[in-house]
Amino acid sequence: MPFTPYHLGFALLVGYFFRRKIHWPTFILASVVVDLEPFLVFIDVLERYPLHGYMHSFLLGSLSGLLLGYAMYTTRKMHAEFFKRLALVENEIGLAGYLVGGVVGWDLHILVDSPLYTDIKPFYPVQANPLYNAWGYPKELLFLLLFAGILLYIFHVFKNAFKRSKML
């Protein structure tokens, strides 16, 4: 849970390259909303619940990602202008792009967290975490991905603003 900002950088970075195929804001939201679960455990709303519980499993994570994608799709008119102003959407994305964004964003979060935490059970109901320390990447790599994601997003915003100013 303390590394949630790193997931934002990862989502900005990875999502940028797929932004024309998936709904980038849904991908970003899915990659960070997962950590509401450990936050609720941390503040004692969920008692006797593992820090990284069922939402940190591919089974329930994928289902949650589908639900999030569907919710974002059905409410798209409410937030479309907001996401356009943030330069997160450039073209109309269909339902599949929202669903894929939700599932892949959520599951990538689990994939990034699984090597770091022993309590995650990514293949629930299997009670082990075979991905723990699987590729042993340093936490500094997550910082670099956060930095790269933010820089790429800033570049993207300025590029879009430049394009829009040329059209006026």
N, C-alpha and C. Protein backbone atom coordinates (compact mmCIF):
# COMPACT_ATOMS: atom_id res chain seq x y z
N MET A 1 0.80 -1.20 0.00
CA MET A 1 0.00 0.00 0.00
C MET A 1 0.84 1.27 0.00
N PRO A 2 1.97 1.33 0.68
CA PRO A 2 2.72 2.58 0.66
C PRO A 2 3.27 2.92 -0.71
N PHE A 3 3.21 2.02 -1.65
CA PHE A 3 3.79 2.26 -2.97
C PHE A 3 2.72 2.63 -4.00
N THR A 4 1.52 3.01 -3.56
CA THR A 4 0.45 3.37 -4.49
C THR A 4 0.87 4.43 -5.50
N PRO A 5 1.60 5.48 -5.12
CA PRO A 5 2.01 6.46 -6.14
C PRO A 5 2.85 5.83 -7.25
N TYR A 6 3.59 4.80 -6.92
CA TYR A 6 4.37 4.12 -7.95
C TYR A 6 3.47 3.49 -9.00
N HIS A 7 2.32 3.00 -8.56
CA HIS A 7 1.38 2.41 -9.51
C HIS A 7 0.83 3.48 -10.45
N LEU A 8 0.67 4.68 -9.96
CA LEU A 8 0.22 5.77 -10.81
C LEU A 8 1.25 6.02 -11.92
N GLY A 9 2.52 6.09 -11.58
CA GLY A 9 3.56 6.29 -12.59
C GLY A 9 3.59 5.17 -13.60
N PHE A 10 3.45 3.95 -13.11
CA PHE A 10 3.44 2.78 -13.99
C PHE A 10 2.24 2.84 -14.94
N ALA A 11 1.08 3.25 -14.41
CA ALA A 11 -0.12 3.34 -15.24
C ALA A 11 -0.02 4.47 -16.26
N LEU A 12 0.58 5.58 -15.88
CA LEU A 12 0.79 6.67 -16.83
C LEU A 12 1.72 6.21 -17.95
N LEU A 13 2.78 5.52 -17.58
CA LEU A 13 3.78 5.08 -18.55
C LEU A 13 3.23 4.01 -19.49
N VAL A 14 2.72 2.94 -18.93
CA VAL A 14 2.22 1.83 -19.75
C VAL A 14 0.97 2.24 -20.51
N GLY A 15 0.06 2.92 -19.82
CA GLY A 15 -1.20 3.33 -20.44
C GLY A 15 -1.01 4.26 -21.62
N TYR A 16 0.02 5.08 -21.57
CA TYR A 16 0.28 6.02 -22.66
C TYR A 16 0.41 5.29 -23.99
N PHE A 17 1.09 4.18 -24.00
CA PHE A 17 1.35 3.46 -25.24
C PHE A 17 0.13 2.71 -25.78
N PHE A 18 -0.87 2.52 -24.92
CA PHE A 18 -2.09 1.82 -25.34
C PHE A 18 -3.32 2.72 -25.31
N ARG A 19 -3.12 4.02 -25.17
CA ARG A 19 -4.22 4.96 -24.96
C ARG A 19 -5.21 5.03 -26.11
N ARG A 20 -4.83 4.59 -27.28
CA ARG A 20 -5.77 4.62 -28.41
C ARG A 20 -6.62 3.35 -28.49
N LYS A 21 -6.25 2.35 -27.70
CA LYS A 21 -6.98 1.07 -27.72
C LYS A 21 -7.79 0.84 -26.45
N ILE A 22 -7.29 1.36 -25.33
CA ILE A 22 -8.00 1.20 -24.06
C ILE A 22 -8.34 2.58 -23.53
N HIS A 23 -9.26 2.63 -22.59
CA HIS A 23 -9.60 3.90 -21.95
C HIS A 23 -8.55 4.16 -20.87
N TRP A 24 -7.67 5.10 -21.18
CA TRP A 24 -6.51 5.38 -20.32
C TRP A 24 -6.92 5.77 -18.90
N PRO A 25 -7.92 6.63 -18.69
CA PRO A 25 -8.32 6.96 -17.31
C PRO A 25 -8.80 5.73 -16.52
N THR A 26 -9.51 4.83 -17.18
CA THR A 26 -9.96 3.61 -16.49
C THR A 26 -8.77 2.76 -16.11
N PHE A 27 -7.81 2.65 -17.01
CA PHE A 27 -6.58 1.91 -16.74
C PHE A 27 -5.85 2.50 -15.52
N ILE A 28 -5.73 3.82 -15.49
CA ILE A 28 -5.05 4.49 -14.37
C ILE A 28 -5.81 4.26 -13.07
N LEU A 29 -7.12 4.50 -13.11
CA LEU A 29 -7.94 4.33 -11.91
C LEU A 29 -7.87 2.89 -11.39
N ALA A 30 -7.96 1.93 -12.30
CA ALA A 30 -7.91 0.52 -11.89
C ALA A 30 -6.58 0.17 -11.24
N SER A 31 -5.51 0.79 -11.70
CA SER A 31 -4.20 0.44 -11.16
C SER A 31 -3.94 1.04 -9.78
N VAL A 32 -4.72 2.03 -9.37
CA VAL A 32 -4.51 2.60 -8.04
C VAL A 32 -5.64 2.30 -7.05
N VAL A 33 -6.86 2.11 -7.55
CA VAL A 33 -8.00 1.90 -6.66
C VAL A 33 -7.88 0.58 -5.88
N VAL A 34 -7.09 -0.33 -6.36
CA VAL A 34 -6.88 -1.62 -5.68
C VAL A 34 -6.40 -1.38 -4.25
N ASP A 35 -5.61 -0.34 -4.06
CA ASP A 35 -5.03 -0.11 -2.75
C ASP A 35 -5.99 0.55 -1.75
N LEU A 36 -7.27 0.68 -2.13
CA LEU A 36 -8.26 1.05 -1.13
C LEU A 36 -8.41 -0.09 -0.12
N GLU A 37 -8.24 -1.31 -0.60
CA GLU A 37 -8.36 -2.47 0.28
C GLU A 37 -7.35 -2.41 1.43
N PRO A 38 -6.04 -2.31 1.17
CA PRO A 38 -5.12 -2.22 2.31
C PRO A 38 -5.30 -0.93 3.13
N PHE A 39 -5.75 0.15 2.48
CA PHE A 39 -6.00 1.38 3.23
C PHE A 39 -7.11 1.15 4.25
N LEU A 40 -8.19 0.48 3.83
CA LEU A 40 -9.29 0.20 4.76
C LEU A 40 -8.85 -0.72 5.89
N VAL A 41 -7.93 -1.63 5.62
CA VAL A 41 -7.38 -2.48 6.67
C VAL A 41 -6.53 -1.62 7.61
N PHE A 42 -5.71 -0.77 7.03
CA PHE A 42 -4.80 0.09 7.79
C PHE A 42 -5.54 1.00 8.76
N ILE A 43 -6.70 1.53 8.35
CA ILE A 43 -7.46 2.43 9.24
C ILE A 43 -8.52 1.67 10.05
N ASP A 44 -8.42 0.36 10.08
CA ASP A 44 -9.27 -0.51 10.89
C ASP A 44 -10.73 -0.54 10.49
N VAL A 45 -11.05 -0.23 9.24
CA VAL A 45 -12.42 -0.39 8.76
C VAL A 45 -12.66 -1.88 8.50
N LEU A 46 -11.67 -2.54 7.92
CA LEU A 46 -11.76 -3.99 7.71
C LEU A 46 -10.91 -4.68 8.79
N GLU A 47 -11.57 -5.21 9.79
CA GLU A 47 -10.86 -5.88 10.87
C GLU A 47 -10.72 -7.36 10.53
N ARG A 48 -9.66 -7.96 11.03
CA ARG A 48 -9.37 -9.39 10.80
C ARG A 48 -9.40 -9.72 9.31
N TYR A 49 -8.81 -8.85 8.55
CA TYR A 49 -8.76 -8.99 7.10
C TYR A 49 -7.30 -8.82 6.70
N PRO A 50 -6.80 -9.63 5.76
CA PRO A 50 -5.39 -9.48 5.39
C PRO A 50 -5.12 -8.12 4.75
N LEU A 51 -3.92 -7.60 4.95
CA LEU A 51 -3.55 -6.29 4.40
C LEU A 51 -3.77 -6.27 2.89
N HIS A 52 -3.27 -7.28 2.23
CA HIS A 52 -3.52 -7.45 0.79
C HIS A 52 -4.47 -8.64 0.66
N GLY A 53 -5.74 -8.34 0.59
CA GLY A 53 -6.75 -9.39 0.61
C GLY A 53 -7.16 -9.87 -0.76
N TYR A 54 -8.42 -10.18 -0.88
CA TYR A 54 -8.95 -10.85 -2.06
C TYR A 54 -8.90 -9.99 -3.33
N MET A 55 -8.95 -8.68 -3.17
CA MET A 55 -8.88 -7.80 -4.35
C MET A 55 -7.49 -7.80 -4.96
N HIS A 56 -6.52 -8.33 -4.22
CA HIS A 56 -5.16 -8.48 -4.75
C HIS A 56 -4.96 -9.89 -5.31
N SER A 57 -6.04 -10.49 -5.77
CA SER A 57 -5.95 -11.78 -6.47
C SER A 57 -6.44 -11.57 -7.90
N PHE A 58 -5.89 -12.35 -8.82
CA PHE A 58 -6.28 -12.18 -10.22
C PHE A 58 -7.75 -12.51 -10.43
N LEU A 59 -8.29 -13.45 -9.68
CA LEU A 59 -9.68 -13.84 -9.83
C LEU A 59 -10.62 -12.67 -9.50
N LEU A 60 -10.56 -12.18 -8.28
CA LEU A 60 -11.45 -11.08 -7.90
C LEU A 60 -10.99 -9.75 -8.47
N GLY A 61 -9.69 -9.61 -8.70
CA GLY A 61 -9.19 -8.39 -9.33
C GLY A 61 -9.71 -8.22 -10.74
N SER A 62 -9.71 -9.31 -11.49
CA SER A 62 -10.22 -9.24 -12.86
C SER A 62 -11.71 -8.91 -12.89
N LEU A 63 -12.46 -9.54 -11.99
CA LEU A 63 -13.90 -9.23 -11.89
C LEU A 63 -14.12 -7.77 -11.49
N SER A 64 -13.33 -7.30 -10.55
CA SER A 64 -13.44 -5.91 -10.11
C SER A 64 -13.06 -4.96 -11.24
N GLY A 65 -12.04 -5.32 -11.99
CA GLY A 65 -11.63 -4.50 -13.14
C GLY A 65 -12.73 -4.43 -14.19
N LEU A 66 -13.41 -5.55 -14.41
CA LEU A 66 -14.55 -5.55 -15.34
C LEU A 66 -15.66 -4.62 -14.85
N LEU A 67 -15.98 -4.72 -13.56
CA LEU A 67 -17.02 -3.86 -12.99
C LEU A 67 -16.63 -2.39 -13.07
N LEU A 68 -15.38 -2.09 -12.77
CA LEU A 68 -14.91 -0.71 -12.86
C LEU A 68 -14.99 -0.21 -14.30
N GLY A 69 -14.53 -1.03 -15.24
CA GLY A 69 -14.59 -0.65 -16.65
C GLY A 69 -16.02 -0.39 -17.10
N TYR A 70 -16.93 -1.25 -16.69
CA TYR A 70 -18.34 -1.07 -17.06
C TYR A 70 -18.92 0.19 -16.43
N ALA A 71 -18.58 0.43 -15.16
CA ALA A 71 -19.06 1.65 -14.48
C ALA A 71 -18.52 2.90 -15.16
N MET A 72 -17.26 2.87 -15.54
CA MET A 72 -16.67 4.03 -16.22
C MET A 72 -17.32 4.23 -17.59
N TYR A 73 -17.63 3.14 -18.27
CA TYR A 73 -18.28 3.24 -19.58
C TYR A 73 -19.69 3.82 -19.46
N THR A 74 -20.44 3.35 -18.48
CA THR A 74 -21.82 3.82 -18.35
C THR A 74 -21.90 5.27 -17.86
N THR A 75 -20.85 5.75 -17.23
CA THR A 75 -20.83 7.14 -16.74
C THR A 75 -19.92 8.03 -17.59
N ARG A 76 -19.55 7.58 -18.76
CA ARG A 76 -18.54 8.28 -19.58
C ARG A 76 -18.94 9.71 -19.93
N LYS A 77 -20.22 9.97 -20.11
CA LYS A 77 -20.64 11.33 -20.47
C LYS A 77 -20.42 12.30 -19.32
N MET A 78 -20.48 11.81 -18.10
CA MET A 78 -20.28 12.67 -16.94
C MET A 78 -18.84 13.14 -16.81
N HIS A 79 -17.89 12.30 -17.19
CA HIS A 79 -16.49 12.65 -16.98
C HIS A 79 -15.70 12.86 -18.27
N ALA A 80 -16.33 12.79 -19.41
CA ALA A 80 -15.62 12.90 -20.70
C ALA A 80 -14.86 14.22 -20.82
N GLU A 81 -15.52 15.32 -20.51
CA GLU A 81 -14.86 16.63 -20.65
C GLU A 81 -13.69 16.77 -19.69
N PHE A 82 -13.85 16.27 -18.49
CA PHE A 82 -12.78 16.32 -17.49
C PHE A 82 -11.53 15.58 -17.99
N PHE A 83 -11.73 14.38 -18.52
CA PHE A 83 -10.59 13.60 -19.00
C PHE A 83 -9.98 14.21 -20.26
N LYS A 84 -10.79 14.86 -21.08
CA LYS A 84 -10.25 15.56 -22.25
C LYS A 84 -9.36 16.71 -21.82
N ARG A 85 -9.79 17.45 -20.81
CA ARG A 85 -8.98 18.57 -20.30
C ARG A 85 -7.66 18.09 -19.73
N LEU A 86 -7.66 16.89 -19.18
CA LEU A 86 -6.42 16.32 -18.65
C LEU A 86 -5.59 15.64 -19.74
N ALA A 87 -6.07 15.70 -20.98
CA ALA A 87 -5.40 15.08 -22.14
C ALA A 87 -5.26 13.57 -21.98
N LEU A 88 -6.24 12.96 -21.33
CA LEU A 88 -6.20 11.51 -21.14
C LEU A 88 -7.00 10.74 -22.18
N VAL A 89 -7.83 11.44 -22.93
CA VAL A 89 -8.56 10.79 -24.02
C VAL A 89 -8.41 11.63 -25.28
N GLU A 90 -8.21 10.94 -26.37
CA GLU A 90 -8.05 11.61 -27.66
C GLU A 90 -9.12 11.19 -28.65
N ASN A 91 -9.63 10.00 -28.47
CA ASN A 91 -10.63 9.46 -29.39
C ASN A 91 -11.67 8.68 -28.59
N GLU A 92 -12.78 8.39 -29.24
CA GLU A 92 -13.85 7.62 -28.60
C GLU A 92 -13.42 6.16 -28.47
N ILE A 93 -13.59 5.61 -27.30
CA ILE A 93 -13.24 4.22 -27.01
C ILE A 93 -14.54 3.47 -26.73
N GLY A 94 -14.68 2.29 -27.29
CA GLY A 94 -15.88 1.49 -27.05
C GLY A 94 -15.83 0.76 -25.72
N LEU A 95 -16.89 0.04 -25.44
CA LEU A 95 -17.01 -0.70 -24.18
C LEU A 95 -15.82 -1.62 -23.95
N ALA A 96 -15.37 -2.31 -24.98
CA ALA A 96 -14.23 -3.24 -24.82
C ALA A 96 -12.99 -2.52 -24.31
N GLY A 97 -12.75 -1.30 -24.77
CA GLY A 97 -11.59 -0.54 -24.32
C GLY A 97 -11.65 -0.18 -22.85
N TYR A 98 -12.85 0.05 -22.35
CA TYR A 98 -13.04 0.33 -20.93
C TYR A 98 -12.83 -0.95 -20.11
N LEU A 99 -13.43 -2.05 -20.59
CA LEU A 99 -13.31 -3.31 -19.85
C LEU A 99 -11.86 -3.78 -19.80
N VAL A 100 -11.19 -3.72 -20.94
CA VAL A 100 -9.77 -4.14 -20.97
C VAL A 100 -8.93 -3.22 -20.10
N GLY A 101 -9.20 -1.93 -20.15
CA GLY A 101 -8.47 -0.98 -19.30
C GLY A 101 -8.63 -1.31 -17.83
N GLY A 102 -9.85 -1.63 -17.42
CA GLY A 102 -10.11 -1.98 -16.02
C GLY A 102 -9.41 -3.26 -15.59
N VAL A 103 -9.54 -4.30 -16.40
CA VAL A 103 -8.96 -5.60 -16.04
C VAL A 103 -7.43 -5.54 -16.07
N VAL A 104 -6.87 -5.01 -17.15
CA VAL A 104 -5.41 -4.99 -17.27
C VAL A 104 -4.80 -4.05 -16.23
N GLY A 105 -5.42 -2.91 -15.98
CA GLY A 105 -4.91 -2.00 -14.96
C GLY A 105 -4.88 -2.65 -13.59
N TRP A 106 -5.97 -3.32 -13.24
CA TRP A 106 -6.08 -3.99 -11.94
C TRP A 106 -5.07 -5.13 -11.85
N ASP A 107 -5.02 -5.96 -12.88
CA ASP A 107 -4.13 -7.12 -12.85
C ASP A 107 -2.66 -6.73 -12.89
N LEU A 108 -2.32 -5.65 -13.58
CA LEU A 108 -0.92 -5.19 -13.56
C LEU A 108 -0.52 -4.73 -12.16
N HIS A 109 -1.45 -4.13 -11.45
CA HIS A 109 -1.18 -3.74 -10.06
C HIS A 109 -0.81 -4.99 -9.25
N ILE A 110 -1.62 -6.02 -9.41
CA ILE A 110 -1.36 -7.26 -8.67
C ILE A 110 -0.01 -7.85 -9.09
N LEU A 111 0.28 -7.83 -10.36
CA LEU A 111 1.54 -8.36 -10.87
C LEU A 111 2.74 -7.58 -10.33
N VAL A 112 2.61 -6.28 -10.21
CA VAL A 112 3.70 -5.46 -9.67
C VAL A 112 3.85 -5.67 -8.17
N ASP A 113 2.75 -5.83 -7.45
CA ASP A 113 2.80 -6.02 -6.00
C ASP A 113 3.22 -7.42 -5.57
N SER A 114 2.85 -8.42 -6.33
CA SER A 114 3.06 -9.81 -5.90
C SER A 114 4.51 -10.16 -5.56
N PRO A 115 5.50 -9.70 -6.28
CA PRO A 115 6.88 -10.03 -5.89
C PRO A 115 7.34 -9.30 -4.62
N LEU A 116 6.59 -8.29 -4.18
CA LEU A 116 7.02 -7.48 -3.04
C LEU A 116 6.45 -7.92 -1.71
N TYR A 117 5.29 -8.54 -1.70
CA TYR A 117 4.58 -8.82 -0.45
C TYR A 117 4.25 -10.30 -0.32
N THR A 118 4.59 -10.86 0.83
CA THR A 118 4.34 -12.28 1.06
C THR A 118 2.86 -12.57 1.29
N ASP A 119 2.10 -11.58 1.78
CA ASP A 119 0.70 -11.84 2.13
C ASP A 119 -0.25 -11.83 0.92
N ILE A 120 0.23 -11.43 -0.24
CA ILE A 120 -0.62 -11.43 -1.43
C ILE A 120 -0.80 -12.87 -1.92
N LYS A 121 -2.02 -13.19 -2.27
CA LYS A 121 -2.33 -14.52 -2.82
C LYS A 121 -2.89 -14.30 -4.22
N PRO A 122 -2.00 -14.07 -5.21
CA PRO A 122 -2.46 -13.68 -6.54
C PRO A 122 -3.30 -14.74 -7.24
N PHE A 123 -3.09 -16.00 -6.90
CA PHE A 123 -3.83 -17.07 -7.56
C PHE A 123 -4.87 -17.69 -6.63
N TYR A 124 -5.44 -16.85 -5.73
CA TYR A 124 -6.48 -17.29 -4.83
C TYR A 124 -7.51 -18.09 -5.61
N PRO A 125 -7.93 -19.24 -5.10
CA PRO A 125 -7.87 -19.76 -3.74
C PRO A 125 -6.56 -20.44 -3.34
N VAL A 126 -5.58 -20.51 -4.22
CA VAL A 126 -4.26 -21.02 -3.82
C VAL A 126 -3.72 -20.08 -2.75
N GLN A 127 -3.26 -20.64 -1.64
CA GLN A 127 -2.87 -19.84 -0.49
C GLN A 127 -1.41 -19.39 -0.50
N ALA A 128 -0.68 -19.72 -1.52
CA ALA A 128 0.74 -19.33 -1.60
C ALA A 128 0.90 -18.19 -2.60
N ASN A 129 2.04 -17.54 -2.53
CA ASN A 129 2.38 -16.50 -3.49
C ASN A 129 3.64 -16.93 -4.24
N PRO A 130 3.48 -17.67 -5.33
CA PRO A 130 4.66 -18.13 -6.07
C PRO A 130 5.42 -17.00 -6.75
N LEU A 131 4.84 -15.81 -6.81
CA LEU A 131 5.50 -14.68 -7.45
C LEU A 131 6.36 -13.87 -6.49
N TYR A 132 6.26 -14.18 -5.18
CA TYR A 132 7.03 -13.42 -4.21
C TYR A 132 8.52 -13.52 -4.52
N ASN A 133 9.14 -12.36 -4.68
CA ASN A 133 10.56 -12.24 -4.99
C ASN A 133 10.94 -12.97 -6.27
N ALA A 134 9.97 -13.14 -7.16
CA ALA A 134 10.19 -13.93 -8.38
C ALA A 134 11.23 -13.32 -9.29
N TRP A 135 11.16 -12.02 -9.50
CA TRP A 135 12.15 -11.40 -10.38
C TRP A 135 13.00 -10.40 -9.63
N GLY A 136 12.76 -10.24 -8.36
CA GLY A 136 13.62 -9.46 -7.48
C GLY A 136 14.01 -8.09 -7.99
N TYR A 137 13.06 -7.36 -8.56
CA TYR A 137 13.40 -6.02 -9.03
C TYR A 137 13.55 -5.09 -7.83
N PRO A 138 14.47 -4.16 -7.93
CA PRO A 138 14.65 -3.23 -6.81
C PRO A 138 13.51 -2.21 -6.76
N LYS A 139 13.20 -1.77 -5.56
CA LYS A 139 12.14 -0.77 -5.39
C LYS A 139 12.50 0.54 -6.08
N GLU A 140 13.79 0.77 -6.29
CA GLU A 140 14.22 1.97 -7.01
C GLU A 140 13.69 1.97 -8.44
N LEU A 141 13.50 0.80 -9.01
CA LEU A 141 12.95 0.71 -10.36
C LEU A 141 11.53 1.29 -10.38
N LEU A 142 10.77 1.06 -9.32
CA LEU A 142 9.42 1.61 -9.24
C LEU A 142 9.47 3.14 -9.21
N PHE A 143 10.46 3.69 -8.51
CA PHE A 143 10.62 5.14 -8.50
C PHE A 143 10.94 5.66 -9.89
N LEU A 144 11.83 4.97 -10.59
CA LEU A 144 12.18 5.38 -11.96
C LEU A 144 10.97 5.31 -12.88
N LEU A 145 10.14 4.29 -12.73
CA LEU A 145 8.92 4.18 -13.54
C LEU A 145 7.94 5.31 -13.21
N LEU A 146 7.85 5.67 -11.93
CA LEU A 146 7.00 6.79 -11.54
C LEU A 146 7.49 8.08 -12.19
N PHE A 147 8.77 8.32 -12.10
CA PHE A 147 9.37 9.51 -12.68
C PHE A 147 9.18 9.53 -14.20
N ALA A 148 9.43 8.40 -14.84
CA ALA A 148 9.27 8.30 -16.30
C ALA A 148 7.81 8.50 -16.71
N GLY A 149 6.88 7.93 -15.95
CA GLY A 149 5.45 8.09 -16.25
C GLY A 149 5.00 9.53 -16.14
N ILE A 150 5.45 10.21 -15.11
CA ILE A 150 5.08 11.62 -14.93
C ILE A 150 5.68 12.47 -16.03
N LEU A 151 6.94 12.24 -16.36
CA LEU A 151 7.58 13.00 -17.44
C LEU A 151 6.89 12.77 -18.78
N LEU A 152 6.55 11.51 -19.06
CA LEU A 152 5.88 11.21 -20.31
C LEU A 152 4.50 11.87 -20.38
N TYR A 153 3.79 11.86 -19.26
CA TYR A 153 2.48 12.50 -19.22
C TYR A 153 2.61 14.02 -19.44
N ILE A 154 3.58 14.65 -18.79
CA ILE A 154 3.80 16.09 -18.98
C ILE A 154 4.11 16.39 -20.44
N PHE A 155 4.96 15.57 -21.04
CA PHE A 155 5.27 15.74 -22.46
C PHE A 155 4.00 15.62 -23.30
N HIS A 156 3.19 14.63 -22.99
CA HIS A 156 1.94 14.39 -23.71
C HIS A 156 0.99 15.60 -23.59
N VAL A 157 0.87 16.16 -22.40
CA VAL A 157 0.00 17.32 -22.19
C VAL A 157 0.49 18.50 -23.02
N PHE A 158 1.78 18.76 -22.99
CA PHE A 158 2.31 19.88 -23.77
C PHE A 158 2.17 19.64 -25.27
N LYS A 159 2.37 18.41 -25.70
CA LYS A 159 2.21 18.09 -27.12
C LYS A 159 0.77 18.33 -27.56
N ASN A 160 -0.18 17.91 -26.75
CA ASN A 160 -1.60 18.12 -27.07
C ASN A 160 -1.95 19.60 -27.07
N ALA A 161 -1.43 20.34 -26.11
CA ALA A 161 -1.70 21.78 -26.06
C ALA A 161 -1.12 22.46 -27.29
N PHE A 162 0.04 22.06 -27.72
CA PHE A 162 0.66 22.63 -28.92
C PHE A 162 -0.18 22.32 -30.15
N LYS A 163 -0.65 21.07 -30.25
CA LYS A 163 -1.50 20.70 -31.39
C LYS A 163 -2.79 21.52 -31.42
N ARG A 164 -3.40 21.68 -30.26
CA ARG A 164 -4.64 22.45 -30.18
C ARG A 164 -4.42 23.91 -30.54
N SER A 165 -3.29 24.47 -30.11
CA SER A 165 -3.03 25.88 -30.41
C SER A 165 -2.78 26.10 -31.91
N LYS A 166 -2.24 25.09 -32.59
CA LYS A 166 -2.03 25.20 -34.03
C LYS A 166 -3.35 25.12 -34.80
N MET A 167 -4.34 24.46 -34.20
CA MET A 167 -5.63 24.33 -34.84
C MET A 167 -6.47 25.58 -34.73
N LEU A 168 -6.18 26.42 -33.75
CA LEU A 168 -7.00 27.63 -33.53
C LEU A 168 -6.76 28.70 -34.56
